[in-house]
Amino acid sequence: MKIMGIEAVYPKPNTSKPTSGAQKYPYLLKGLDIIKPNQVWASDITYIPTSRGFVYLTAIIDWYSRFILSWELSTSMDTSFCLNALEKATANYGVPEIFNTDQGSQYTSVDFTSYLNSRNIKISHDSRGRCFDNIMIERIWRSVKYENVYLRDYNTVAEAREGLDEYLNFYNTMRPHQSLGYMTPKAVYNDK
């Protein structure tokens, strides 16, 4: 197939393109010992297939505990749904010391970075082409897709929202994690 130039036809959007002229922030997590909740939060966007096309899921997680602090679903990839998730997380859980994301336009927008700066949150952006810089949330996306999305085959946005709400609640409160000593993310987050 490679020799003949044959490939699958599916959307291949790039969510990691920064806003033109956006300020660049360094990656602050290299060599950092993450030892407590609210030290580092991270966010990312993934695609959720439905029978009517893709919807976009963003989540804010606590890096230490893997606790999903908030999430939003949207039919477009604008900044507002990412900012809504961030506002919910800070309203319910306070603010982190560092907020880490990729360099996508949603996270490099003036609205998003201004919100972080106004709360004295240090901004950390992954290096280009380095998916391992945000590995915690990438691992959560794998769990979400293989344990829920691909098994449920959602038809509508409403179905996806309902199913994801159920799964993400399960993920936070009932699903034990080997790397967390077989505790749940919520238990680890609330433990310290």
C-alpha atoms as a PDB file:
ATOM      1  CA  MET A   1       0.000   0.000   0.000  1.00  0.00           C
ATOM      2  CA  LYS A   2       2.873   2.349   0.787  1.00  0.00           C
ATOM      3  CA  ILE A   3       4.490   1.828  -2.612  1.00  0.00           C
ATOM      4  CA  MET A   4       1.176   2.448  -4.375  1.00  0.00           C
ATOM      5  CA  GLY A   5       0.370   5.480  -2.212  1.00  0.00           C
ATOM      6  CA  ILE A   6      -2.793   3.932  -0.827  1.00  0.00           C
ATOM      7  CA  GLU A   7      -3.872   5.061   2.613  1.00  0.00           C
ATOM      8  CA  ALA A   8      -6.983   5.183   4.753  1.00  0.00           C
ATOM      9  CA  VAL A   9      -9.194   8.209   4.261  1.00  0.00           C
ATOM     10  CA  TYR A  10     -10.011   9.840   7.588  1.00  0.00           C
ATOM     11  CA  PRO A  11      -9.638  13.283   9.113  1.00  0.00           C
ATOM     12  CA  LYS A  12      -6.066  14.084  10.038  1.00  0.00           C
ATOM     13  CA  PRO A  13      -6.335  17.453  11.742  1.00  0.00           C
ATOM     14  CA  ASN A  14      -3.441  18.707  13.785  1.00  0.00           C
ATOM     15  CA  THR A  15      -4.529  19.908  17.220  1.00  0.00           C
ATOM     16  CA  SER A  16      -1.044  21.062  18.160  1.00  0.00           C
ATOM     17  CA  LYS A  17      -0.681  24.089  15.897  1.00  0.00           C
ATOM     18  CA  PRO A  18      -0.114  27.225  17.980  1.00  0.00           C
ATOM     19  CA  THR A  19      -1.927  30.482  17.403  1.00  0.00           C
ATOM     20  CA  SER A  20       0.127  32.600  15.024  1.00  0.00           C
ATOM     21  CA  GLY A  21       2.301  35.006  16.977  1.00  0.00           C
ATOM     22  CA  ALA A  22       1.592  33.173  20.244  1.00  0.00           C
ATOM     23  CA  GLN A  23       4.054  33.510  23.083  1.00  0.00           C
ATOM     24  CA  LYS A  24       6.126  30.374  23.584  1.00  0.00           C
ATOM     25  CA  TYR A  25       6.492  28.911  27.056  1.00  0.00           C
ATOM     26  CA  PRO A  26       9.164  26.403  28.122  1.00  0.00           C
ATOM     27  CA  TYR A  27       8.537  22.824  29.210  1.00  0.00           C
ATOM     28  CA  LEU A  28       8.810  23.014  33.000  1.00  0.00           C
ATOM     29  CA  LEU A  29       8.368  19.360  33.954  1.00  0.00           C
ATOM     30  CA  LYS A  30      11.724  17.912  32.845  1.00  0.00           C
ATOM     31  CA  GLY A  31      13.418  16.514  35.937  1.00  0.00           C
ATOM     32  CA  LEU A  32      10.671  17.843  38.227  1.00  0.00           C
ATOM     33  CA  ASP A  33       9.570  15.564  41.057  1.00  0.00           C
ATOM     34  CA  ILE A  34       5.789  15.719  41.130  1.00  0.00           C
ATOM     35  CA  ILE A  35       5.023  14.856  44.726  1.00  0.00           C
ATOM     36  CA  LYS A  36       1.581  16.250  45.534  1.00  0.00           C
ATOM     37  CA  PRO A  37      -1.856  17.074  44.121  1.00  0.00           C
ATOM     38  CA  ASN A  38      -2.310  20.497  42.506  1.00  0.00           C
ATOM     39  CA  GLN A  39       1.402  20.784  41.793  1.00  0.00           C
ATOM     40  CA  VAL A  40       0.899  20.136  38.062  1.00  0.00           C
ATOM     41  CA  TRP A  41      -2.259  20.004  36.008  1.00  0.00           C
ATOM     42  CA  ALA A  42      -2.335  19.015  32.358  1.00  0.00           C
ATOM     43  CA  SER A  43      -4.807  19.265  29.512  1.00  0.00           C
ATOM     44  CA  ASP A  44      -5.198  17.919  26.014  1.00  0.00           C
ATOM     45  CA  ILE A  45      -7.809  17.392  23.303  1.00  0.00           C
ATOM     46  CA  THR A  46      -8.757  14.124  21.639  1.00  0.00           C
ATOM     47  CA  TYR A  47     -11.231  13.063  18.967  1.00  0.00           C
ATOM     48  CA  ILE A  48     -14.282  10.993  19.820  1.00  0.00           C
ATOM     49  CA  PRO A  49     -15.863   9.278  16.809  1.00  0.00           C
ATOM     50  CA  THR A  50     -19.639   9.175  16.460  1.00  0.00           C
ATOM     51  CA  SER A  51     -21.710   7.846  13.589  1.00  0.00           C
ATOM     52  CA  ARG A  52     -22.254  11.483  12.532  1.00  0.00           C
ATOM     53  CA  GLY A  53     -18.612  12.584  12.648  1.00  0.00           C
ATOM     54  CA  PHE A  54     -16.105  13.560  15.294  1.00  0.00           C
ATOM     55  CA  VAL A  55     -16.588  15.501  18.502  1.00  0.00           C
ATOM     56  CA  TYR A  56     -13.734  16.851  20.580  1.00  0.00           C
ATOM     57  CA  LEU A  57     -13.041  16.004  24.206  1.00  0.00           C
ATOM     58  CA  THR A  58     -10.803  18.060  26.461  1.00  0.00           C
ATOM     59  CA  ALA A  59      -9.946  17.240  30.053  1.00  0.00           C
ATOM     60  CA  ILE A  60      -8.012  18.842  32.882  1.00  0.00           C
ATOM     61  CA  ILE A  61      -6.140  16.305  35.023  1.00  0.00           C
ATOM     62  CA  ASP A  62      -4.052  16.427  38.139  1.00  0.00           C
ATOM     63  CA  TRP A  63      -0.722  14.921  37.061  1.00  0.00           C
ATOM     64  CA  TYR A  64       0.142  13.430  40.477  1.00  0.00           C
ATOM     65  CA  SER A  65      -3.102  11.521  41.016  1.00  0.00           C
ATOM     66  CA  ARG A  66      -4.407  11.227  37.420  1.00  0.00           C
ATOM     67  CA  PHE A  67      -7.681  12.603  38.783  1.00  0.00           C
ATOM     68  CA  ILE A  68      -9.821  14.142  36.026  1.00  0.00           C
ATOM     69  CA  LEU A  69     -10.736  17.525  37.490  1.00  0.00           C
ATOM     70  CA  SER A  70     -13.077  18.566  34.670  1.00  0.00           C
ATOM     71  CA  TRP A  71     -13.862  17.831  31.046  1.00  0.00           C
ATOM     72  CA  GLU A  72     -15.847  19.292  28.160  1.00  0.00           C
ATOM     73  CA  LEU A  73     -17.160  17.975  24.862  1.00  0.00           C
ATOM     74  CA  SER A  74     -17.523  20.174  21.771  1.00  0.00           C
ATOM     75  CA  THR A  75     -18.415  19.924  18.102  1.00  0.00           C
ATOM     76  CA  SER A  76     -15.759  22.523  17.231  1.00  0.00           C
ATOM     77  CA  MET A  77     -12.169  22.997  18.285  1.00  0.00           C
ATOM     78  CA  ASP A  78     -12.379  26.567  19.491  1.00  0.00           C
ATOM     79  CA  THR A  79     -10.810  27.878  22.691  1.00  0.00           C
ATOM     80  CA  SER A  80     -14.062  28.240  24.618  1.00  0.00           C
ATOM     81  CA  PHE A  81     -14.586  24.595  25.555  1.00  0.00           C
ATOM     82  CA  CYS A  82     -10.995  24.310  26.830  1.00  0.00           C
ATOM     83  CA  LEU A  83     -11.412  27.515  28.821  1.00  0.00           C
ATOM     84  CA  ASN A  84     -14.746  26.269  30.222  1.00  0.00           C
ATOM     85  CA  ALA A  85     -13.043  23.095  31.459  1.00  0.00           C
ATOM     86  CA  LEU A  86     -10.265  25.153  33.062  1.00  0.00           C
ATOM     87  CA  GLU A  87     -12.755  27.507  34.744  1.00  0.00           C
ATOM     88  CA  LYS A  88     -14.681  24.530  36.166  1.00  0.00           C
ATOM     89  CA  ALA A  89     -11.488  22.916  37.473  1.00  0.00           C
ATOM     90  CA  THR A  90     -10.249  26.068  39.201  1.00  0.00           C
ATOM     91  CA  ALA A  91     -13.703  26.814  40.653  1.00  0.00           C
ATOM     92  CA  ASN A  92     -13.912  23.329  42.172  1.00  0.00           C
ATOM     93  CA  TYR A  93     -10.274  22.511  43.049  1.00  0.00           C
ATOM     94  CA  GLY A  94      -8.300  25.771  43.331  1.00  0.00           C
ATOM     95  CA  VAL A  95      -5.252  26.411  41.173  1.00  0.00           C
ATOM     96  CA  PRO A  96      -2.151  24.382  40.352  1.00  0.00           C
ATOM     97  CA  GLU A  97       1.412  25.631  40.528  1.00  0.00           C
ATOM     98  CA  ILE A  98       2.045  24.605  36.884  1.00  0.00           C
ATOM     99  CA  PHE A  99      -0.337  24.015  33.984  1.00  0.00           C
ATOM    100  CA  ASN A 100       1.063  21.844  31.153  1.00  0.00           C
ATOM    101  CA  THR A 101      -0.373  21.464  27.634  1.00  0.00           C
ATOM    102  CA  ASP A 102       0.734  20.987  24.061  1.00  0.00           C
ATOM    103  CA  GLN A 103       1.192  24.020  21.819  1.00  0.00           C
ATOM    104  CA  GLY A 104      -2.273  23.833  20.262  1.00  0.00           C
ATOM    105  CA  SER A 105      -4.009  27.076  19.358  1.00  0.00           C
ATOM    106  CA  GLN A 106      -6.593  26.596  22.095  1.00  0.00           C
ATOM    107  CA  TYR A 107      -3.865  26.545  24.758  1.00  0.00           C
ATOM    108  CA  THR A 108      -1.710  29.306  23.247  1.00  0.00           C
ATOM    109  CA  SER A 109      -4.619  31.702  22.733  1.00  0.00           C
ATOM    110  CA  VAL A 110      -4.606  35.023  24.550  1.00  0.00           C
ATOM    111  CA  ASP A 111      -7.828  34.119  26.407  1.00  0.00           C
ATOM    112  CA  PHE A 112      -6.422  30.867  27.760  1.00  0.00           C
ATOM    113  CA  THR A 113      -2.959  32.116  28.721  1.00  0.00           C
ATOM    114  CA  SER A 114      -4.412  35.310  30.234  1.00  0.00           C
ATOM    115  CA  TYR A 115      -6.638  33.220  32.490  1.00  0.00           C
ATOM    116  CA  LEU A 116      -3.608  31.245  33.728  1.00  0.00           C
ATOM    117  CA  ASN A 117      -1.422  34.324  34.128  1.00  0.00           C
ATOM    118  CA  SER A 118      -4.123  36.204  36.056  1.00  0.00           C
ATOM    119  CA  ARG A 119      -4.034  33.413  38.665  1.00  0.00           C
ATOM    120  CA  ASN A 120      -0.202  33.240  38.829  1.00  0.00           C
ATOM    121  CA  ILE A 121      -0.141  29.740  37.343  1.00  0.00           C
ATOM    122  CA  LYS A 122       3.137  28.891  35.599  1.00  0.00           C
ATOM    123  CA  ILE A 123       2.551  27.857  31.987  1.00  0.00           C
ATOM    124  CA  SER A 124       4.403  24.859  30.571  1.00  0.00           C
ATOM    125  CA  HIS A 125       4.165  23.767  26.937  1.00  0.00           C
ATOM    126  CA  ASP A 126       5.327  20.466  25.521  1.00  0.00           C
ATOM    127  CA  SER A 127       8.170  20.504  23.061  1.00  0.00           C
ATOM    128  CA  ARG A 128       7.090  20.112  19.426  1.00  0.00           C
ATOM    129  CA  GLY A 129       6.701  16.499  18.376  1.00  0.00           C
ATOM    130  CA  ARG A 130       7.137  15.191  21.934  1.00  0.00           C
ATOM    131  CA  CYS A 131       3.982  13.253  22.848  1.00  0.00           C
ATOM    132  CA  PHE A 132       5.761  11.851  25.916  1.00  0.00           C
ATOM    133  CA  ASP A 133       5.872  15.340  27.459  1.00  0.00           C
ATOM    134  CA  ASN A 134       2.152  14.997  28.218  1.00  0.00           C
ATOM    135  CA  ILE A 135       2.115  11.229  28.682  1.00  0.00           C
ATOM    136  CA  MET A 136      -0.286  11.184  31.642  1.00  0.00           C
ATOM    137  CA  ILE A 137      -3.216  12.566  29.703  1.00  0.00           C
ATOM    138  CA  GLU A 138      -2.299  10.581  26.574  1.00  0.00           C
ATOM    139  CA  ARG A 139      -2.582   7.432  28.715  1.00  0.00           C
ATOM    140  CA  ILE A 140      -6.015   8.534  29.933  1.00  0.00           C
ATOM    141  CA  TRP A 141      -7.152   9.009  26.317  1.00  0.00           C
ATOM    142  CA  ARG A 142      -6.114   5.426  25.588  1.00  0.00           C
ATOM    143  CA  SER A 143      -8.205   4.166  28.521  1.00  0.00           C
ATOM    144  CA  VAL A 144     -11.198   6.319  27.546  1.00  0.00           C
ATOM    145  CA  LYS A 145     -11.149   5.066  23.964  1.00  0.00           C
ATOM    146  CA  TYR A 146     -10.423   1.361  24.526  1.00  0.00           C
ATOM    147  CA  GLU A 147     -12.538   0.907  27.651  1.00  0.00           C
ATOM    148  CA  ASN A 148     -15.478   3.059  26.573  1.00  0.00           C
ATOM    149  CA  VAL A 149     -15.661   4.843  23.217  1.00  0.00           C
ATOM    150  CA  TYR A 150     -14.753   1.961  20.886  1.00  0.00           C
ATOM    151  CA  LEU A 151     -17.028  -0.412  22.795  1.00  0.00           C
ATOM    152  CA  ARG A 152     -20.033   1.915  22.857  1.00  0.00           C
ATOM    153  CA  ASP A 153     -19.985   3.225  19.268  1.00  0.00           C
ATOM    154  CA  TYR A 154     -21.810   6.488  20.006  1.00  0.00           C
ATOM    155  CA  ASN A 155     -24.370   7.787  17.497  1.00  0.00           C
ATOM    156  CA  THR A 156     -24.962  11.315  18.767  1.00  0.00           C
ATOM    157  CA  VAL A 157     -23.203  13.999  20.784  1.00  0.00           C
ATOM    158  CA  ALA A 158     -25.780  13.556  23.562  1.00  0.00           C
ATOM    159  CA  GLU A 159     -25.038   9.816  23.740  1.00  0.00           C
ATOM    160  CA  ALA A 160     -21.308  10.523  23.816  1.00  0.00           C
ATOM    161  CA  ARG A 161     -21.721  13.113  26.580  1.00  0.00           C
ATOM    162  CA  GLU A 162     -23.818  10.760  28.714  1.00  0.00           C
ATOM    163  CA  GLY A 163     -21.529   7.775  28.158  1.00  0.00           C
ATOM    164  CA  LEU A 164     -18.351   9.761  28.794  1.00  0.00           C
ATOM    165  CA  ASP A 165     -19.800  11.257  31.971  1.00  0.00           C
ATOM    166  CA  GLU A 166     -20.548   7.756  33.251  1.00  0.00           C
ATOM    167  CA  TYR A 167     -17.111   6.415  32.278  1.00  0.00           C
ATOM    168  CA  LEU A 168     -15.075   9.374  33.596  1.00  0.00           C
ATOM    169  CA  ASN A 169     -16.896   9.156  36.924  1.00  0.00           C
ATOM    170  CA  PHE A 170     -16.046   5.426  37.010  1.00  0.00           C
ATOM    171  CA  TYR A 171     -12.427   6.213  36.059  1.00  0.00           C
ATOM    172  CA  ASN A 172     -12.071   8.730  38.909  1.00  0.00           C
ATOM    173  CA  THR A 173     -13.888   6.886  41.677  1.00  0.00           C
ATOM    174  CA  MET A 174     -13.909   3.137  41.001  1.00  0.00           C
ATOM    175  CA  ARG A 175     -11.116   2.143  38.594  1.00  0.00           C
ATOM    176  CA  PRO A 176      -7.969   1.207  40.553  1.00  0.00           C
ATOM    177  CA  HIS A 177      -4.585   1.989  38.990  1.00  0.00           C
ATOM    178  CA  GLN A 178      -1.553  -0.233  39.388  1.00  0.00           C
ATOM    179  CA  SER A 179       0.780   2.791  39.299  1.00  0.00           C
ATOM    180  CA  LEU A 180      -1.229   4.381  42.132  1.00  0.00           C
ATOM    181  CA  GLY A 181      -0.875   1.347  44.414  1.00  0.00           C
ATOM    182  CA  TYR A 182      -4.261   0.056  43.215  1.00  0.00           C
ATOM    183  CA  MET A 183      -6.003   3.156  44.531  1.00  0.00           C
ATOM    184  CA  THR A 184      -8.417   5.270  42.498  1.00  0.00           C
ATOM    185  CA  PRO A 185      -7.401   8.707  41.193  1.00  0.00           C
ATOM    186  CA  LYS A 186      -9.914  10.432  43.486  1.00  0.00           C
ATOM    187  CA  ALA A 187      -8.591   8.593  46.563  1.00  0.00           C
ATOM    188  CA  VAL A 188      -5.007   9.581  45.728  1.00  0.00           C
ATOM    189  CA  TYR A 189      -6.032  13.186  45.001  1.00  0.00           C
ATOM    190  CA  ASN A 190      -7.900  13.470  48.309  1.00  0.00           C
ATOM    191  CA  ASP A 191      -5.217  11.579  50.282  1.00  0.00           C
ATOM    192  CA  LYS A 192      -2.674  14.422  50.549  1.00  0.00           C
END
